[in-house]
PDB file of N, CA and C in Angstrom:
ATOM      1  N   MET A   1       9.459 -19.646  55.607  1.00  0.00           N
ATOM      2  CA  MET A   1      10.555 -20.126  54.887  1.00  0.00           C
ATOM      3  C   MET A   1      10.335 -19.866  53.315  1.00  0.00           C
ATOM      4  N   ARG A   2       8.990 -20.354  52.885  1.00  0.00           N
ATOM      5  CA  ARG A   2       8.531 -19.919  51.535  1.00  0.00           C
ATOM      6  C   ARG A   2       8.779 -18.495  51.051  1.00  0.00           C
ATOM      7  N   ARG A   3       8.192 -17.636  52.119  1.00  0.00           N
ATOM      8  CA  ARG A   3       8.355 -16.329  51.750  1.00  0.00           C
ATOM      9  C   ARG A   3       9.874 -15.752  51.641  1.00  0.00           C
ATOM     10  N   LYS A   4      10.787 -16.295  52.359  1.00  0.00           N
ATOM     11  CA  LYS A   4      12.145 -15.964  52.110  1.00  0.00           C
ATOM     12  C   LYS A   4      12.797 -16.481  50.796  1.00  0.00           C
ATOM     13  N   ILE A   5      12.433 -17.717  50.634  1.00  0.00           N
ATOM     14  CA  ILE A   5      12.916 -18.270  49.122  1.00  0.00           C
ATOM     15  C   ILE A   5      12.500 -17.671  48.208  1.00  0.00           C
ATOM     16  N   SER A   6      10.963 -17.393  48.069  1.00  0.00           N
ATOM     17  CA  SER A   6      10.366 -16.188  47.087  1.00  0.00           C
ATOM     18  C   SER A   6      10.984 -14.809  46.789  1.00  0.00           C
ATOM     19  N   LEU A   7      11.233 -14.256  48.053  1.00  0.00           N
ATOM     20  CA  LEU A   7      11.892 -13.021  48.002  1.00  0.00           C
ATOM     21  C   LEU A   7      13.353 -13.166  47.639  1.00  0.00           C
ATOM     22  N   LEU A   8      14.198 -14.330  47.867  1.00  0.00           N
ATOM     23  CA  LEU A   8      15.569 -14.243  47.370  1.00  0.00           C
ATOM     24  C   LEU A   8      15.482 -14.382  45.609  1.00  0.00           C
ATOM     25  N   ILE A   9      14.660 -15.243  45.259  1.00  0.00           N
ATOM     26  CA  ILE A   9      14.521 -15.746  43.955  1.00  0.00           C
ATOM     27  C   ILE A   9      14.025 -14.219  43.065  1.00  0.00           C
ATOM     28  N   ILE A  10      13.057 -13.653  43.568  1.00  0.00           N
ATOM     29  CA  ILE A  10      12.902 -12.320  42.968  1.00  0.00           C
ATOM     30  C   ILE A  10      13.976 -11.462  43.103  1.00  0.00           C
ATOM     31  N   ALA A  11      14.595 -11.268  44.194  1.00  0.00           N
ATOM     32  CA  ALA A  11      15.921 -10.288  44.119  1.00  0.00           C
ATOM     33  C   ALA A  11      17.069 -10.669  43.001  1.00  0.00           C
ATOM     34  N   VAL A  12      17.066 -12.086  43.135  1.00  0.00           N
ATOM     35  CA  VAL A  12      18.164 -12.349  42.094  1.00  0.00           C
ATOM     36  C   VAL A  12      17.799 -12.299  40.641  1.00  0.00           C
ATOM     37  N   PHE A  13      16.256 -12.435  40.442  1.00  0.00           N
ATOM     38  CA  PHE A  13      15.829 -12.305  39.233  1.00  0.00           C
ATOM     39  C   PHE A  13      16.087 -10.528  38.742  1.00  0.00           C
ATOM     40  N   VAL A  14      15.659  -9.923  39.667  1.00  0.00           N
ATOM     41  CA  VAL A  14      15.628  -8.343  39.161  1.00  0.00           C
ATOM     42  C   VAL A  14      16.996  -7.822  39.299  1.00  0.00           C
ATOM     43  N   ALA A  15      17.966  -8.474  39.884  1.00  0.00           N
ATOM     44  CA  ALA A  15      19.299  -8.030  39.661  1.00  0.00           C
ATOM     45  C   ALA A  15      19.842  -8.605  38.410  1.00  0.00           C
ATOM     46  N   GLY A  16      19.350  -9.773  38.092  1.00  0.00           N
ATOM     47  CA  GLY A  16      19.875 -10.331  36.684  1.00  0.00           C
ATOM     48  C   GLY A  16      19.603  -9.287  35.623  1.00  0.00           C
ATOM     49  N   LEU A  17      18.096  -8.957  35.536  1.00  0.00           N
ATOM     50  CA  LEU A  17      17.493  -8.098  34.687  1.00  0.00           C
ATOM     51  C   LEU A  17      18.373  -6.563  34.765  1.00  0.00           C
ATOM     52  N   ALA A  18      18.564  -5.890  35.712  1.00  0.00           N
ATOM     53  CA  ALA A  18      19.381  -4.802  36.052  1.00  0.00           C
ATOM     54  C   ALA A  18      20.684  -4.901  35.345  1.00  0.00           C
ATOM     55  N   THR A  19      21.180  -6.166  35.552  1.00  0.00           N
ATOM     56  CA  THR A  19      22.803  -6.219  35.019  1.00  0.00           C
ATOM     57  C   THR A  19      22.704  -6.507  33.634  1.00  0.00           C
ATOM     58  N   ILE A  20      21.709  -7.058  32.971  1.00  0.00           N
ATOM     59  CA  ILE A  20      21.607  -7.263  31.733  1.00  0.00           C
ATOM     60  C   ILE A  20      21.193  -5.887  30.918  1.00  0.00           C
ATOM     61  N   ASN A  21      20.478  -5.111  31.398  1.00  0.00           N
ATOM     62  CA  ASN A  21      19.936  -3.756  30.827  1.00  0.00           C
ATOM     63  C   ASN A  21      20.895  -2.724  31.098  1.00  0.00           C
ATOM     64  N   HIS A  22      21.598  -2.500  32.299  1.00  0.00           N
ATOM     65  CA  HIS A  22      22.214  -1.468  32.637  1.00  0.00           C
ATOM     66  C   HIS A  22      23.845  -1.848  32.934  1.00  0.00           C
ATOM     67  N   GLY A  23      24.096  -2.929  32.690  1.00  0.00           N
ATOM     68  CA  GLY A  23      25.540  -3.562  33.135  1.00  0.00           C
ATOM     69  C   GLY A  23      26.590  -3.038  31.836  1.00  0.00           C
ATOM     70  N   CYS A  24      26.521  -2.837  30.880  1.00  0.00           N
ATOM     71  CA  CYS A  24      27.178  -2.608  29.751  1.00  0.00           C
ATOM     72  C   CYS A  24      26.820  -1.283  29.084  1.00  0.00           C
ATOM     73  N   SER A  25      26.201  -0.533  29.756  1.00  0.00           N
ATOM     74  CA  SER A  25      25.839   0.713  29.079  1.00  0.00           C
ATOM     75  C   SER A  25      26.986   1.718  29.262  1.00  0.00           C
ATOM     76  N   ARG A  26      26.858   2.815  28.396  1.00  0.00           N
ATOM     77  CA  ARG A  26      27.915   3.812  28.075  1.00  0.00           C
ATOM     78  C   ARG A  26      27.715   4.767  29.433  1.00  0.00           C
ATOM     79  N   SER A  27      28.783   5.371  29.449  1.00  0.00           N
ATOM     80  CA  SER A  27      28.927   6.495  30.375  1.00  0.00           C
ATOM     81  C   SER A  27      28.331   7.648  29.574  1.00  0.00           C
ATOM     82  N   PRO A  28      27.617   8.656  30.224  1.00  0.00           N
ATOM     83  CA  PRO A  28      27.108   9.897  29.718  1.00  0.00           C
ATOM     84  C   PRO A  28      28.314  10.647  28.910  1.00  0.00           C
ATOM     85  N   ASP A  29      29.420  10.525  29.338  1.00  0.00           N
ATOM     86  CA  ASP A  29      30.842  11.305  28.672  1.00  0.00           C
ATOM     87  C   ASP A  29      30.959  10.968  27.321  1.00  0.00           C
ATOM     88  N   SER A  30      30.743   9.732  27.101  1.00  0.00           N
ATOM     89  CA  SER A  30      31.075   9.069  25.706  1.00  0.00           C
ATOM     90  C   SER A  30      30.146   9.173  24.548  1.00  0.00           C
ATOM     91  N   ASP A  31      29.069   9.825  24.733  1.00  0.00           N
ATOM     92  CA  ASP A  31      28.208  10.228  23.809  1.00  0.00           C
ATOM     93  C   ASP A  31      28.622  11.214  22.500  1.00  0.00           C
ATOM     94  N   ALA A  32      29.897  11.348  22.686  1.00  0.00           N
ATOM     95  CA  ALA A  32      30.287  12.756  21.696  1.00  0.00           C
ATOM     96  C   ALA A  32      30.180  12.201  20.257  1.00  0.00           C
ATOM     97  N   GLU A  33      30.691  10.925  20.152  1.00  0.00           N
ATOM     98  CA  GLU A  33      30.631  10.451  18.988  1.00  0.00           C
ATOM     99  C   GLU A  33      29.458   9.166  18.530  1.00  0.00           C
ATOM    100  N   GLU A  34      28.719   9.372  17.624  1.00  0.00           N
ATOM    101  CA  GLU A  34      27.695   8.402  17.376  1.00  0.00           C
ATOM    102  C   GLU A  34      28.759   7.077  16.607  1.00  0.00           C
ATOM    103  N   ASP A  35      28.205   5.924  16.869  1.00  0.00           N
ATOM    104  CA  ASP A  35      28.615   4.969  16.100  1.00  0.00           C
ATOM    105  C   ASP A  35      27.932   4.064  14.962  1.00  0.00           C
ATOM    106  N   SER A  36      26.978   5.029  14.414  1.00  0.00           N
ATOM    107  CA  SER A  36      26.255   4.620  13.238  1.00  0.00           C
ATOM    108  C   SER A  36      27.062   4.526  12.126  1.00  0.00           C
ATOM    109  N   ILE A  37      26.511   3.712  11.257  1.00  0.00           N
ATOM    110  CA  ILE A  37      27.311   3.191   9.811  1.00  0.00           C
ATOM    111  C   ILE A  37      26.691   4.252   8.731  1.00  0.00           C
ATOM    112  N   ASN A  38      27.202   5.086   8.058  1.00  0.00           N
ATOM    113  CA  ASN A  38      26.536   5.916   6.980  1.00  0.00           C
ATOM    114  C   ASN A  38      27.278   5.281   5.860  1.00  0.00           C
ATOM    115  N   PHE A  39      26.756   5.122   4.679  1.00  0.00           N
ATOM    116  CA  PHE A  39      27.405   4.976   3.294  1.00  0.00           C
ATOM    117  C   PHE A  39      27.065   6.020   2.407  1.00  0.00           C
ATOM    118  N   ASP A  40      27.935   6.629   1.706  1.00  0.00           N
ATOM    119  CA  ASP A  40      27.650   7.492   0.612  1.00  0.00           C
ATOM    120  C   ASP A  40      27.369   6.922  -0.864  1.00  0.00           C
ATOM    121  N   LEU A  41      25.695   6.915  -0.892  1.00  0.00           N
ATOM    122  CA  LEU A  41      25.331   6.037  -1.818  1.00  0.00           C
ATOM    123  C   LEU A  41      25.889   6.439  -3.478  1.00  0.00           C
ATOM    124  N   ASN A  42      26.496   8.052  -3.238  1.00  0.00           N
ATOM    125  CA  ASN A  42      26.774   8.426  -4.708  1.00  0.00           C
ATOM    126  C   ASN A  42      28.176   8.369  -4.829  1.00  0.00           C
ATOM    127  N   ASP A  43      29.004   7.550  -3.959  1.00  0.00           N
ATOM    128  CA  ASP A  43      30.456   7.061  -4.332  1.00  0.00           C
ATOM    129  C   ASP A  43      30.426   6.297  -5.708  1.00  0.00           C
ATOM    130  N   PRO A  44      31.339   6.621  -6.547  1.00  0.00           N
ATOM    131  CA  PRO A  44      31.383   5.840  -7.728  1.00  0.00           C
ATOM    132  C   PRO A  44      31.881   4.311  -7.633  1.00  0.00           C
ATOM    133  N   LYS A  45      32.670   4.413  -6.751  1.00  0.00           N
ATOM    134  CA  LYS A  45      33.171   2.777  -6.330  1.00  0.00           C
ATOM    135  C   LYS A  45      31.975   1.929  -5.741  1.00  0.00           C
ATOM    136  N   LEU A  46      31.372   2.344  -4.820  1.00  0.00           N
ATOM    137  CA  LEU A  46      30.053   1.836  -4.310  1.00  0.00           C
ATOM    138  C   LEU A  46      29.098   1.679  -5.449  1.00  0.00           C
ATOM    139  N   LYS A  47      28.829   2.690  -6.347  1.00  0.00           N
ATOM    140  CA  LYS A  47      27.736   2.434  -7.444  1.00  0.00           C
ATOM    141  C   LYS A  47      28.356   1.206  -8.516  1.00  0.00           C
ATOM    142  N   GLU A  48      29.603   1.140  -8.411  1.00  0.00           N
ATOM    143  CA  GLU A  48      30.011   0.153  -9.599  1.00  0.00           C
ATOM    144  C   GLU A  48      30.012  -1.056  -8.758  1.00  0.00           C
ATOM    145  N   ARG A  49      30.007  -1.565  -7.719  1.00  0.00           N
ATOM    146  CA  ARG A  49      30.002  -2.541  -6.916  1.00  0.00           C
ATOM    147  C   ARG A  49      28.490  -3.018  -6.973  1.00  0.00           C
ATOM    148  N   LEU A  50      27.753  -1.989  -6.350  1.00  0.00           N
ATOM    149  CA  LEU A  50      26.348  -2.363  -6.549  1.00  0.00           C
ATOM    150  C   LEU A  50      25.550  -2.593  -7.951  1.00  0.00           C
ATOM    151  N   GLY A  51      26.156  -1.954  -8.686  1.00  0.00           N
ATOM    152  CA  GLY A  51      25.224  -2.197 -10.051  1.00  0.00           C
ATOM    153  C   GLY A  51      24.073  -1.250 -10.053  1.00  0.00           C
ATOM    154  N   GLU A  52      23.407  -1.533 -11.058  1.00  0.00           N
ATOM    155  CA  GLU A  52      22.164  -0.465 -11.469  1.00  0.00           C
ATOM    156  C   GLU A  52      20.982  -1.152 -10.692  1.00  0.00           C
ATOM    157  N   ASP A  53      20.328  -0.074 -10.346  1.00  0.00           N
ATOM    158  CA  ASP A  53      19.166  -0.232  -9.231  1.00  0.00           C
ATOM    159  C   ASP A  53      18.169  -1.199 -10.053  1.00  0.00           C
ATOM    160  N   ASP A  54      17.643  -2.163  -9.523  1.00  0.00           N
ATOM    161  CA  ASP A  54      16.466  -3.052  -9.853  1.00  0.00           C
ATOM    162  C   ASP A  54      15.182  -2.859  -9.536  1.00  0.00           C
ATOM    163  N   GLY A  55      15.106  -1.803  -8.556  1.00  0.00           N
ATOM    164  CA  GLY A  55      13.828  -1.565  -8.032  1.00  0.00           C
ATOM    165  C   GLY A  55      13.195  -2.345  -6.970  1.00  0.00           C
ATOM    166  N   TYR A  56      13.701  -3.203  -6.317  1.00  0.00           N
ATOM    167  CA  TYR A  56      13.286  -3.873  -5.074  1.00  0.00           C
ATOM    168  C   TYR A  56      13.886  -2.899  -4.045  1.00  0.00           C
ATOM    169  N   ALA A  57      12.868  -2.907  -3.235  1.00  0.00           N
ATOM    170  CA  ALA A  57      12.982  -2.316  -1.725  1.00  0.00           C
ATOM    171  C   ALA A  57      13.210  -3.057  -0.861  1.00  0.00           C
ATOM    172  N   PHE A  58      12.975  -4.670  -0.870  1.00  0.00           N
ATOM    173  CA  PHE A  58      13.055  -5.513   0.174  1.00  0.00           C
ATOM    174  C   PHE A  58      14.017  -6.784  -0.250  1.00  0.00           C
ATOM    175  N   ALA A  59      14.663  -7.240   0.635  1.00  0.00           N
ATOM    176  CA  ALA A  59      15.367  -8.399   0.015  1.00  0.00           C
ATOM    177  C   ALA A  59      15.565  -9.492   1.236  1.00  0.00           C
ATOM    178  N   VAL A  60      15.342 -10.759   1.212  1.00  0.00           N
ATOM    179  CA  VAL A  60      15.539 -11.656   2.101  1.00  0.00           C
ATOM    180  C   VAL A  60      16.817 -12.497   2.066  1.00  0.00           C
ATOM    181  N   MET A  61      17.440 -12.559   3.271  1.00  0.00           N
ATOM    182  CA  MET A  61      18.528 -12.795   3.333  1.00  0.00           C
ATOM    183  C   MET A  61      18.361 -14.295   3.901  1.00  0.00           C
ATOM    184  N   TYR A  62      18.857 -15.397   3.706  1.00  0.00           N
ATOM    185  CA  TYR A  62      18.584 -16.875   4.198  1.00  0.00           C
ATOM    186  C   TYR A  62      20.127 -17.436   4.470  1.00  0.00           C
ATOM    187  N   GLY A  63      20.273 -17.965   5.454  1.00  0.00           N
ATOM    188  CA  GLY A  63      21.534 -18.658   5.655  1.00  0.00           C
ATOM    189  C   GLY A  63      21.298 -19.197   7.118  1.00  0.00           C
ATOM    190  N   ALA A  64      21.664 -20.567   7.153  1.00  0.00           N
ATOM    191  CA  ALA A  64      21.532 -21.374   8.515  1.00  0.00           C
ATOM    192  C   ALA A  64      22.301 -22.574   8.199  1.00  0.00           C
ATOM    193  N   ASP A  65      22.377 -23.412   9.275  1.00  0.00           N
ATOM    194  CA  ASP A  65      23.126 -24.856   9.057  1.00  0.00           C
ATOM    195  C   ASP A  65      21.691 -25.678   9.043  1.00  0.00           C
ATOM    196  N   VAL A  66      21.733 -26.507   8.170  1.00  0.00           N
ATOM    197  CA  VAL A  66      20.573 -27.522   7.927  1.00  0.00           C
ATOM    198  C   VAL A  66      21.091 -28.860   8.803  1.00  0.00           C
ATOM    199  N   HIS A  67      20.079 -29.121   9.731  1.00  0.00           N
ATOM    200  CA  HIS A  67      20.007 -30.351  10.609  1.00  0.00           C
ATOM    201  C   HIS A  67      19.205 -31.381  10.156  1.00  0.00           C
ATOM    202  N   GLY A  68      19.558 -32.358   9.522  1.00  0.00           N
ATOM    203  CA  GLY A  68      18.768 -33.462   8.875  1.00  0.00           C
ATOM    204  C   GLY A  68      18.496 -33.331   8.045  1.00  0.00           C
ATOM    205  N   SER A  69      17.480 -34.317   7.143  1.00  0.00           N
ATOM    206  CA  SER A  69      17.510 -34.352   6.074  1.00  0.00           C
ATOM    207  C   SER A  69      16.143 -33.551   5.375  1.00  0.00           C
ATOM    208  N   LEU A  70      16.278 -32.945   4.077  1.00  0.00           N
ATOM    209  CA  LEU A  70      15.212 -32.139   3.644  1.00  0.00           C
ATOM    210  C   LEU A  70      14.454 -33.076   2.709  1.00  0.00           C
ATOM    211  N   GLU A  71      14.980 -34.129   2.613  1.00  0.00           N
ATOM    212  CA  GLU A  71      13.891 -35.241   1.453  1.00  0.00           C
ATOM    213  C   GLU A  71      12.586 -35.600   2.029  1.00  0.00           C
ATOM    214  N   THR A  72      12.460 -35.625   3.351  1.00  0.00           N
ATOM    215  CA  THR A  72      11.369 -36.070   4.046  1.00  0.00           C
ATOM    216  C   THR A  72      10.072 -34.942   4.211  1.00  0.00           C
ATOM    217  N   CYS A  73      10.669 -33.606   3.471  1.00  0.00           N
ATOM    218  CA  CYS A  73       9.779 -32.568   3.916  1.00  0.00           C
ATOM    219  C   CYS A  73       8.665 -32.484   2.984  1.00  0.00           C
ATOM    220  N   GLY A  74       8.109 -33.526   2.079  1.00  0.00           N
ATOM    221  CA  GLY A  74       6.944 -33.480   1.165  1.00  0.00           C
ATOM    222  C   GLY A  74       7.497 -33.593  -0.171  1.00  0.00           C
TER     223      GLY A  74
END
């Protein structure tokens, strides 16, 4: 009985992984157009919005909901 239950659990787990990995995949016929985003950095409108290059190559974006009080953190 334990062997059957273990086999059932393994089969459900493998089926779940297969569904997650391959369930929403594209068909091979739809690869004609790539969905990547490309920005033209020489566009004058984009240069105006970005401003002058400040030399930084890395930025950290922080945003989250704060649950609780930060006053007791030291």
